[in-house]
């Protein structure tokens, strides 16, 4: 084998293979398509399959003004001092018209591949939590998500929050557990005022026994912090009710982790 490796032809073969791999890499980069606009691109970001223009247009939340809900400006809802069961919430982006269009493609028009864009973007919101108050080493972290009613799940075919949580779990290597289920169907919350949302959501969530069993196994190893994933934080009513349901029976920290605010 040593004789073969020292033969001049071996160097030529290695060089050819190296060039082939390089060209395959170049071609694969050239063949990528932006998940947002459909244009070919060369991979501006290894985590997000977007062209440079679409990547640059993302309205990331970089400075948090409201320490409670993670808003980038003062928050009248949190200023009221309403009771909350969340430690805090952090969101990745501002809910601009461009981001509304992305969510519409994903959530309402069935482009499930958008999970590969929106899900990894949650990593920014996760890091915002740690930026101000890093999670202590002795606290275990896990991810769950806001559940859909059976009617909504049948209508849409998938739970976007569950898919986003799964994408984030791959990147953070944190366990993703289904802790909650909906016991009643409610109308779309986006069309309702804050107090209507609060009233509609009372008692609509319950604990999922299988997920809770796995959570209790984690708790035996020490304190646990749970991140509840949802797509958009508007008034926080949904996340707060989810957190209330969890904390009514289990002693844990609960944080919100949303894509848009």
C-alpha atoms as a PDB file:
ATOM      1  CA  UNK A   1       0.000   0.000   0.000  1.00  0.00           C
ATOM      2  CA  UNK A   2       2.899   2.378   0.788  1.00  0.00           C
ATOM      3  CA  UNK A   3       4.331   1.743  -2.683  1.00  0.00           C
ATOM      4  CA  UNK A   4       0.994   2.574  -4.315  1.00  0.00           C
ATOM      5  CA  UNK A   5       0.591   5.772  -2.282  1.00  0.00           C
ATOM      6  CA  UNK A   6       4.089   6.904  -3.295  1.00  0.00           C
ATOM      7  CA  UNK A   7       3.461   6.261  -6.974  1.00  0.00           C
ATOM      8  CA  UNK A   8       3.128   9.466  -9.087  1.00  0.00           C
ATOM      9  CA  UNK A   9      -0.335   8.406 -10.296  1.00  0.00           C
ATOM     10  CA  UNK A  10      -1.620   8.473  -6.698  1.00  0.00           C
ATOM     11  CA  UNK A  11      -0.874  12.197  -6.461  1.00  0.00           C
ATOM     12  CA  UNK A  12      -2.755  12.772  -9.729  1.00  0.00           C
ATOM     13  CA  UNK A  13      -5.761  10.812  -8.476  1.00  0.00           C
ATOM     14  CA  UNK A  14      -5.858  12.742  -5.184  1.00  0.00           C
ATOM     15  CA  UNK A  15      -5.602  16.049  -7.035  1.00  0.00           C
ATOM     16  CA  UNK A  16      -8.415  15.077  -9.404  1.00  0.00           C
ATOM     17  CA  UNK A  17     -10.650  13.945  -6.532  1.00  0.00           C
ATOM     18  CA  UNK A  18      -9.951  17.161  -4.635  1.00  0.00           C
ATOM     19  CA  UNK A  19     -10.860  19.259  -7.666  1.00  0.00           C
ATOM     20  CA  UNK A  20     -14.003  17.188  -8.220  1.00  0.00           C
ATOM     21  CA  UNK A  21     -15.136  17.753  -4.634  1.00  0.00           C
ATOM     22  CA  UNK A  22     -14.414  21.477  -4.968  1.00  0.00           C
ATOM     23  CA  UNK A  23     -16.474  21.726  -8.135  1.00  0.00           C
ATOM     24  CA  UNK A  24     -19.303  19.720  -6.547  1.00  0.00           C
ATOM     25  CA  UNK A  25     -19.285  22.187  -3.646  1.00  0.00           C
ATOM     26  CA  UNK A  26     -19.329  25.168  -5.990  1.00  0.00           C
ATOM     27  CA  UNK A  27     -22.126  23.695  -8.093  1.00  0.00           C
ATOM     28  CA  UNK A  28     -24.190  22.854  -5.011  1.00  0.00           C
ATOM     29  CA  UNK A  29     -23.839  26.435  -3.793  1.00  0.00           C
ATOM     30  CA  UNK A  30     -24.845  27.797  -7.186  1.00  0.00           C
ATOM     31  CA  UNK A  31     -27.891  25.544  -7.287  1.00  0.00           C
ATOM     32  CA  UNK A  32     -29.390  26.707  -3.983  1.00  0.00           C
ATOM     33  CA  UNK A  33     -32.710  28.496  -4.193  1.00  0.00           C
ATOM     34  CA  UNK A  34     -33.898  31.202  -1.821  1.00  0.00           C
ATOM     35  CA  UNK A  35     -36.856  29.939   0.195  1.00  0.00           C
ATOM     36  CA  UNK A  36     -38.397  33.397   0.187  1.00  0.00           C
ATOM     37  CA  UNK A  37     -38.042  34.878  -3.318  1.00  0.00           C
ATOM     38  CA  UNK A  38     -37.053  31.780  -5.287  1.00  0.00           C
ATOM     39  CA  UNK A  39     -33.861  33.302  -6.671  1.00  0.00           C
ATOM     40  CA  UNK A  40     -30.682  31.239  -7.030  1.00  0.00           C
ATOM     41  CA  UNK A  41     -28.022  32.090  -4.480  1.00  0.00           C
ATOM     42  CA  UNK A  42     -24.680  30.903  -3.143  1.00  0.00           C
ATOM     43  CA  UNK A  43     -25.564  30.424   0.495  1.00  0.00           C
ATOM     44  CA  UNK A  44     -25.213  33.698   2.378  1.00  0.00           C
ATOM     45  CA  UNK A  45     -25.820  32.021   5.748  1.00  0.00           C
ATOM     46  CA  UNK A  46     -25.254  28.325   6.542  1.00  0.00           C
ATOM     47  CA  UNK A  47     -28.343  28.187   8.791  1.00  0.00           C
ATOM     48  CA  UNK A  48     -30.816  30.071   6.595  1.00  0.00           C
ATOM     49  CA  UNK A  49     -31.512  29.075   2.957  1.00  0.00           C
ATOM     50  CA  UNK A  50     -31.976  32.684   1.819  1.00  0.00           C
ATOM     51  CA  UNK A  51     -30.318  34.939  -0.722  1.00  0.00           C
ATOM     52  CA  UNK A  52     -28.316  37.922   0.511  1.00  0.00           C
ATOM     53  CA  UNK A  53     -31.122  40.394  -0.215  1.00  0.00           C
ATOM     54  CA  UNK A  54     -33.763  38.457   1.742  1.00  0.00           C
ATOM     55  CA  UNK A  55     -31.313  37.788   4.561  1.00  0.00           C
ATOM     56  CA  UNK A  56     -30.465  41.494   4.808  1.00  0.00           C
ATOM     57  CA  UNK A  57     -34.180  42.400   4.936  1.00  0.00           C
ATOM     58  CA  UNK A  58     -34.856  40.428   8.135  1.00  0.00           C
ATOM     59  CA  UNK A  59     -35.895  42.904  10.890  1.00  0.00           C
ATOM     60  CA  UNK A  60     -34.052  41.232  13.770  1.00  0.00           C
ATOM     61  CA  UNK A  61     -34.816  42.414  17.302  1.00  0.00           C
ATOM     62  CA  UNK A  62     -31.378  43.400  18.570  1.00  0.00           C
ATOM     63  CA  UNK A  63     -32.303  45.657  21.494  1.00  0.00           C
ATOM     64  CA  UNK A  64     -34.991  44.743  24.018  1.00  0.00           C
ATOM     65  CA  UNK A  65     -36.880  47.598  25.735  1.00  0.00           C
ATOM     66  CA  UNK A  66     -39.512  45.618  27.663  1.00  0.00           C
ATOM     67  CA  UNK A  67     -37.641  43.131  29.847  1.00  0.00           C
ATOM     68  CA  UNK A  68     -40.810  41.082  30.357  1.00  0.00           C
ATOM     69  CA  UNK A  69     -42.219  40.472  26.887  1.00  0.00           C
ATOM     70  CA  UNK A  70     -39.110  41.221  24.841  1.00  0.00           C
ATOM     71  CA  UNK A  71     -40.614  44.058  22.853  1.00  0.00           C
ATOM     72  CA  UNK A  72     -38.252  46.457  21.062  1.00  0.00           C
ATOM     73  CA  UNK A  73     -40.261  49.444  22.361  1.00  0.00           C
ATOM     74  CA  UNK A  74     -42.243  50.237  25.506  1.00  0.00           C
ATOM     75  CA  UNK A  75     -45.107  47.806  26.103  1.00  0.00           C
ATOM     76  CA  UNK A  76     -48.474  49.068  27.406  1.00  0.00           C
ATOM     77  CA  UNK A  77     -49.651  45.532  28.235  1.00  0.00           C
ATOM     78  CA  UNK A  78     -46.727  44.791  30.556  1.00  0.00           C
ATOM     79  CA  UNK A  79     -46.930  48.307  32.003  1.00  0.00           C
ATOM     80  CA  UNK A  80     -50.400  47.440  33.360  1.00  0.00           C
ATOM     81  CA  UNK A  81     -48.736  44.934  35.662  1.00  0.00           C
ATOM     82  CA  UNK A  82     -51.075  42.093  34.717  1.00  0.00           C
ATOM     83  CA  UNK A  83     -50.420  38.730  36.368  1.00  0.00           C
ATOM     84  CA  UNK A  84     -48.030  36.598  34.338  1.00  0.00           C
ATOM     85  CA  UNK A  85     -46.773  33.057  34.753  1.00  0.00           C
ATOM     86  CA  UNK A  86     -43.883  33.549  32.338  1.00  0.00           C
ATOM     87  CA  UNK A  87     -40.411  34.392  33.536  1.00  0.00           C
ATOM     88  CA  UNK A  88     -40.070  36.403  30.308  1.00  0.00           C
ATOM     89  CA  UNK A  89     -40.487  36.157  26.548  1.00  0.00           C
ATOM     90  CA  UNK A  90     -38.046  36.839  23.750  1.00  0.00           C
ATOM     91  CA  UNK A  91     -38.801  37.088  20.034  1.00  0.00           C
ATOM     92  CA  UNK A  92     -36.499  36.957  17.029  1.00  0.00           C
ATOM     93  CA  UNK A  93     -37.970  39.571  14.663  1.00  0.00           C
ATOM     94  CA  UNK A  94     -40.349  42.505  14.434  1.00  0.00           C
ATOM     95  CA  UNK A  95     -43.672  41.549  12.848  1.00  0.00           C
ATOM     96  CA  UNK A  96     -43.334  43.738   9.773  1.00  0.00           C
ATOM     97  CA  UNK A  97     -45.337  43.325   6.524  1.00  0.00           C
ATOM     98  CA  UNK A  98     -42.467  41.279   5.095  1.00  0.00           C
ATOM     99  CA  UNK A  99     -42.500  38.900   8.048  1.00  0.00           C
ATOM    100  CA  UNK A 100     -46.303  38.648   7.857  1.00  0.00           C
ATOM    101  CA  UNK A 101     -45.911  37.494   4.269  1.00  0.00           C
ATOM    102  CA  UNK A 102     -43.385  34.845   5.299  1.00  0.00           C
ATOM    103  CA  UNK A 103     -45.698  33.528   7.994  1.00  0.00           C
ATOM    104  CA  UNK A 104     -48.646  33.543   5.597  1.00  0.00           C
ATOM    105  CA  UNK A 105     -46.665  31.426   3.114  1.00  0.00           C
ATOM    106  CA  UNK A 106     -45.871  28.966   5.856  1.00  0.00           C
ATOM    107  CA  UNK A 107     -48.961  28.908   8.025  1.00  0.00           C
ATOM    108  CA  UNK A 108     -51.849  29.551   5.623  1.00  0.00           C
ATOM    109  CA  UNK A 109     -50.555  28.645   2.155  1.00  0.00           C
ATOM    110  CA  UNK A 110     -49.002  25.367   3.180  1.00  0.00           C
ATOM    111  CA  UNK A 111     -45.369  26.002   2.249  1.00  0.00           C
ATOM    112  CA  UNK A 112     -43.987  23.775   4.980  1.00  0.00           C
ATOM    113  CA  UNK A 113     -40.417  24.168   3.733  1.00  0.00           C
ATOM    114  CA  UNK A 114     -40.498  27.619   5.383  1.00  0.00           C
ATOM    115  CA  UNK A 115     -39.947  25.773   8.663  1.00  0.00           C
ATOM    116  CA  UNK A 116     -36.301  25.569   7.574  1.00  0.00           C
ATOM    117  CA  UNK A 117     -36.165  29.384   7.640  1.00  0.00           C
ATOM    118  CA  UNK A 118     -38.490  30.379  10.472  1.00  0.00           C
ATOM    119  CA  UNK A 119     -37.460  27.547  12.824  1.00  0.00           C
ATOM    120  CA  UNK A 120     -33.700  28.315  12.845  1.00  0.00           C
ATOM    121  CA  UNK A 121     -34.465  32.028  13.284  1.00  0.00           C
ATOM    122  CA  UNK A 122     -35.709  31.151  16.779  1.00  0.00           C
ATOM    123  CA  UNK A 123     -32.089  30.564  17.714  1.00  0.00           C
ATOM    124  CA  UNK A 124     -31.694  34.359  17.859  1.00  0.00           C
ATOM    125  CA  UNK A 125     -34.581  34.646  20.352  1.00  0.00           C
ATOM    126  CA  UNK A 126     -33.062  31.841  22.419  1.00  0.00           C
ATOM    127  CA  UNK A 127     -29.744  33.712  22.560  1.00  0.00           C
ATOM    128  CA  UNK A 128     -31.556  36.911  23.614  1.00  0.00           C
ATOM    129  CA  UNK A 129     -32.685  35.061  26.751  1.00  0.00           C
ATOM    130  CA  UNK A 130     -29.102  34.184  27.584  1.00  0.00           C
ATOM    131  CA  UNK A 131     -27.736  37.610  26.693  1.00  0.00           C
ATOM    132  CA  UNK A 132     -29.310  39.287  29.720  1.00  0.00           C
ATOM    133  CA  UNK A 133     -29.477  36.358  32.128  1.00  0.00           C
ATOM    134  CA  UNK A 134     -27.584  33.194  31.185  1.00  0.00           C
ATOM    135  CA  UNK A 135     -29.277  30.014  32.313  1.00  0.00           C
ATOM    136  CA  UNK A 136     -27.317  28.566  35.276  1.00  0.00           C
ATOM    137  CA  UNK A 137     -25.395  25.379  34.511  1.00  0.00           C
ATOM    138  CA  UNK A 138     -27.351  23.423  37.101  1.00  0.00           C
ATOM    139  CA  UNK A 139     -30.696  24.241  35.398  1.00  0.00           C
ATOM    140  CA  UNK A 140     -31.777  21.848  32.661  1.00  0.00           C
ATOM    141  CA  UNK A 141     -33.457  23.381  29.589  1.00  0.00           C
ATOM    142  CA  UNK A 142     -36.129  21.913  27.370  1.00  0.00           C
ATOM    143  CA  UNK A 143     -38.514  23.035  24.636  1.00  0.00           C
ATOM    144  CA  UNK A 144     -42.244  22.613  24.177  1.00  0.00           C
ATOM    145  CA  UNK A 145     -44.797  24.343  21.937  1.00  0.00           C
ATOM    146  CA  UNK A 146     -48.297  25.790  21.809  1.00  0.00           C
ATOM    147  CA  UNK A 147     -50.677  23.006  20.676  1.00  0.00           C
ATOM    148  CA  UNK A 148     -53.434  23.297  18.072  1.00  0.00           C
ATOM    149  CA  UNK A 149     -56.976  22.063  18.464  1.00  0.00           C
ATOM    150  CA  UNK A 150     -57.842  18.896  16.533  1.00  0.00           C
ATOM    151  CA  UNK A 151     -60.075  20.980  14.271  1.00  0.00           C
ATOM    152  CA  UNK A 152     -57.306  23.466  13.423  1.00  0.00           C
ATOM    153  CA  UNK A 153     -54.735  20.695  12.988  1.00  0.00           C
ATOM    154  CA  UNK A 154     -57.040  18.868  10.589  1.00  0.00           C
ATOM    155  CA  UNK A 155     -57.670  22.080   8.665  1.00  0.00           C
ATOM    156  CA  UNK A 156     -53.993  23.082   8.367  1.00  0.00           C
ATOM    157  CA  UNK A 157     -52.374  19.668   8.315  1.00  0.00           C
ATOM    158  CA  UNK A 158     -49.511  20.608  10.625  1.00  0.00           C
ATOM    159  CA  UNK A 159     -48.699  22.593  13.750  1.00  0.00           C
ATOM    160  CA  UNK A 160     -46.247  25.329  12.812  1.00  0.00           C
ATOM    161  CA  UNK A 161     -45.189  25.847  16.462  1.00  0.00           C
ATOM    162  CA  UNK A 162     -44.356  22.146  16.791  1.00  0.00           C
ATOM    163  CA  UNK A 163     -42.290  22.204  13.597  1.00  0.00           C
ATOM    164  CA  UNK A 164     -40.462  25.363  14.674  1.00  0.00           C
ATOM    165  CA  UNK A 165     -39.703  23.790  18.055  1.00  0.00           C
ATOM    166  CA  UNK A 166     -38.291  20.709  16.303  1.00  0.00           C
ATOM    167  CA  UNK A 167     -36.001  22.868  14.147  1.00  0.00           C
ATOM    168  CA  UNK A 168     -34.766  24.753  17.205  1.00  0.00           C
ATOM    169  CA  UNK A 169     -34.234  21.506  19.086  1.00  0.00           C
ATOM    170  CA  UNK A 170     -31.885  20.274  16.349  1.00  0.00           C
ATOM    171  CA  UNK A 171     -29.730  23.401  16.678  1.00  0.00           C
ATOM    172  CA  UNK A 172     -29.673  23.648  20.479  1.00  0.00           C
ATOM    173  CA  UNK A 173     -29.727  19.896  21.126  1.00  0.00           C
ATOM    174  CA  UNK A 174     -32.372  20.492  23.784  1.00  0.00           C
ATOM    175  CA  UNK A 175     -35.168  17.934  24.249  1.00  0.00           C
ATOM    176  CA  UNK A 176     -38.512  18.833  22.661  1.00  0.00           C
ATOM    177  CA  UNK A 177     -41.497  17.478  24.601  1.00  0.00           C
ATOM    178  CA  UNK A 178     -45.247  17.807  23.880  1.00  0.00           C
ATOM    179  CA  UNK A 179     -46.397  19.040  27.287  1.00  0.00           C
ATOM    180  CA  UNK A 180     -49.759  20.557  26.370  1.00  0.00           C
ATOM    181  CA  UNK A 181     -52.969  19.766  24.513  1.00  0.00           C
ATOM    182  CA  UNK A 182     -56.023  21.852  23.684  1.00  0.00           C
ATOM    183  CA  UNK A 183     -59.264  20.763  25.250  1.00  0.00           C
ATOM    184  CA  UNK A 184     -61.426  23.167  23.240  1.00  0.00           C
ATOM    185  CA  UNK A 185     -61.346  24.896  19.863  1.00  0.00           C
ATOM    186  CA  UNK A 186     -61.238  28.698  19.831  1.00  0.00           C
ATOM    187  CA  UNK A 187     -61.589  31.132  16.947  1.00  0.00           C
ATOM    188  CA  UNK A 188     -58.574  32.884  15.471  1.00  0.00           C
ATOM    189  CA  UNK A 189     -57.049  35.058  18.173  1.00  0.00           C
ATOM    190  CA  UNK A 190     -55.627  37.617  15.728  1.00  0.00           C
ATOM    191  CA  UNK A 191     -59.070  39.154  15.257  1.00  0.00           C
ATOM    192  CA  UNK A 192     -59.783  39.609  18.979  1.00  0.00           C
ATOM    193  CA  UNK A 193     -59.069  42.306  21.535  1.00  0.00           C
ATOM    194  CA  UNK A 194     -56.793  41.586  24.471  1.00  0.00           C
ATOM    195  CA  UNK A 195     -59.538  40.884  27.040  1.00  0.00           C
ATOM    196  CA  UNK A 196     -61.402  38.667  24.558  1.00  0.00           C
ATOM    197  CA  UNK A 197     -58.242  36.622  24.084  1.00  0.00           C
ATOM    198  CA  UNK A 198     -57.790  36.219  27.838  1.00  0.00           C
ATOM    199  CA  UNK A 199     -61.402  35.141  28.353  1.00  0.00           C
ATOM    200  CA  UNK A 200     -61.391  32.756  25.363  1.00  0.00           C
ATOM    201  CA  UNK A 201     -58.222  30.991  26.460  1.00  0.00           C
ATOM    202  CA  UNK A 202     -59.153  30.291  30.075  1.00  0.00           C
ATOM    203  CA  UNK A 203     -59.075  26.554  30.651  1.00  0.00           C
ATOM    204  CA  UNK A 204     -58.474  25.536  27.020  1.00  0.00           C
ATOM    205  CA  UNK A 205     -55.098  23.877  27.709  1.00  0.00           C
ATOM    206  CA  UNK A 206     -54.366  20.720  29.664  1.00  0.00           C
ATOM    207  CA  UNK A 207     -51.209  18.756  30.378  1.00  0.00           C
ATOM    208  CA  UNK A 208     -50.226  15.948  28.007  1.00  0.00           C
ATOM    209  CA  UNK A 209     -49.546  12.889  30.232  1.00  0.00           C
ATOM    210  CA  UNK A 210     -46.760  11.373  28.085  1.00  0.00           C
ATOM    211  CA  UNK A 211     -44.820  14.618  27.881  1.00  0.00           C
ATOM    212  CA  UNK A 212     -45.307  15.312  31.578  1.00  0.00           C
ATOM    213  CA  UNK A 213     -43.972  11.861  32.451  1.00  0.00           C
ATOM    214  CA  UNK A 214     -40.745  12.614  30.566  1.00  0.00           C
ATOM    215  CA  UNK A 215     -40.559  16.064  32.158  1.00  0.00           C
ATOM    216  CA  UNK A 216     -40.862  14.592  35.639  1.00  0.00           C
ATOM    217  CA  UNK A 217     -37.939  12.288  34.824  1.00  0.00           C
ATOM    218  CA  UNK A 218     -35.891  15.377  33.928  1.00  0.00           C
ATOM    219  CA  UNK A 219     -36.908  17.157  37.129  1.00  0.00           C
ATOM    220  CA  UNK A 220     -35.513  14.307  39.188  1.00  0.00           C
ATOM    221  CA  UNK A 221     -32.118  15.379  37.852  1.00  0.00           C
ATOM    222  CA  UNK A 222     -32.507  18.997  39.019  1.00  0.00           C
ATOM    223  CA  UNK A 223     -34.320  22.281  38.238  1.00  0.00           C
ATOM    224  CA  UNK A 224     -35.811  22.683  34.742  1.00  0.00           C
ATOM    225  CA  UNK A 225     -36.492  25.700  32.535  1.00  0.00           C
ATOM    226  CA  UNK A 226     -39.097  25.272  29.791  1.00  0.00           C
ATOM    227  CA  UNK A 227     -39.241  27.354  26.602  1.00  0.00           C
ATOM    228  CA  UNK A 228     -42.695  27.476  24.994  1.00  0.00           C
ATOM    229  CA  UNK A 229     -42.480  28.083  21.233  1.00  0.00           C
ATOM    230  CA  UNK A 230     -45.094  30.036  19.277  1.00  0.00           C
ATOM    231  CA  UNK A 231     -45.058  31.961  16.021  1.00  0.00           C
ATOM    232  CA  UNK A 232     -46.222  35.467  17.020  1.00  0.00           C
ATOM    233  CA  UNK A 233     -46.395  37.211  20.407  1.00  0.00           C
ATOM    234  CA  UNK A 234     -49.228  39.766  20.340  1.00  0.00           C
ATOM    235  CA  UNK A 235     -50.622  40.245  23.833  1.00  0.00           C
ATOM    236  CA  UNK A 236     -48.986  37.195  25.411  1.00  0.00           C
ATOM    237  CA  UNK A 237     -52.357  35.692  26.386  1.00  0.00           C
ATOM    238  CA  UNK A 238     -51.716  32.322  24.758  1.00  0.00           C
ATOM    239  CA  UNK A 239     -48.242  31.859  26.220  1.00  0.00           C
ATOM    240  CA  UNK A 240     -49.382  33.032  29.641  1.00  0.00           C
ATOM    241  CA  UNK A 241     -52.243  30.536  29.733  1.00  0.00           C
ATOM    242  CA  UNK A 242     -49.895  27.759  28.610  1.00  0.00           C
ATOM    243  CA  UNK A 243     -47.445  28.718  31.362  1.00  0.00           C
ATOM    244  CA  UNK A 244     -50.246  28.870  33.946  1.00  0.00           C
ATOM    245  CA  UNK A 245     -51.382  25.366  32.972  1.00  0.00           C
ATOM    246  CA  UNK A 246     -47.867  23.946  33.343  1.00  0.00           C
ATOM    247  CA  UNK A 247     -47.002  25.716  36.582  1.00  0.00           C
ATOM    248  CA  UNK A 248     -50.332  24.885  38.213  1.00  0.00           C
ATOM    249  CA  UNK A 249     -49.087  21.303  38.594  1.00  0.00           C
ATOM    250  CA  UNK A 250     -45.314  21.361  38.051  1.00  0.00           C
ATOM    251  CA  UNK A 251     -42.682  23.527  39.739  1.00  0.00           C
ATOM    252  CA  UNK A 252     -40.593  24.817  36.831  1.00  0.00           C
ATOM    253  CA  UNK A 253     -39.468  28.067  35.215  1.00  0.00           C
ATOM    254  CA  UNK A 254     -41.360  28.878  32.003  1.00  0.00           C
ATOM    255  CA  UNK A 255     -40.168  31.255  29.277  1.00  0.00           C
ATOM    256  CA  UNK A 256     -41.711  32.265  25.968  1.00  0.00           C
ATOM    257  CA  UNK A 257     -39.810  31.848  22.713  1.00  0.00           C
ATOM    258  CA  UNK A 258     -41.556  33.428  19.724  1.00  0.00           C
ATOM    259  CA  UNK A 259     -40.549  34.061  16.155  1.00  0.00           C
ATOM    260  CA  UNK A 260     -42.129  37.524  15.833  1.00  0.00           C
ATOM    261  CA  UNK A 261     -43.217  40.360  18.128  1.00  0.00           C
END
